[in-house]
Amino acid sequence: AGKGGPSDDELKSNPIVVKLAELSIPATTYGHPLCITAEELVATVPLPSSTHTHTKNLLFKDKKHGLYLVTTTPNAEINTKVLGRDLLKLDGKVNFRLASEDLLLEKLG
């Protein structure tokens, strides 16, 4: 694990948390130390109860369609062709790639 987790104010001002609130999507956030991988998160951050689950965020980039943030369970396998075609209903060729670390930090902090 890396540095300590974000403060309550940092969590409240996080662009993702702000967008969820704008869309009236209920969400609860929990601060935790920085974890580079979902496996590290599961191993080091306890869940508050058995009704909660860990999540991982994947930032995908496509030259034609832009950026997409996908939040899923840590062990989920993502089929990017199915994601683009069936779930997001994107037209034409979809060529999702995981965003670079630099882009990830720029967009998500």
Foldseek 3Di string as FASTA:
>chain_A
DADFWDDPVCVCPFPVNVVCVVVVNDDDDDTGHDDPALVRCVVPPDDPDPVDADKDWFWKQWPVPGIDIDIDGRPDDDDQVCCQCPVVVHDDDTDIDTDDPVVCVVRGD
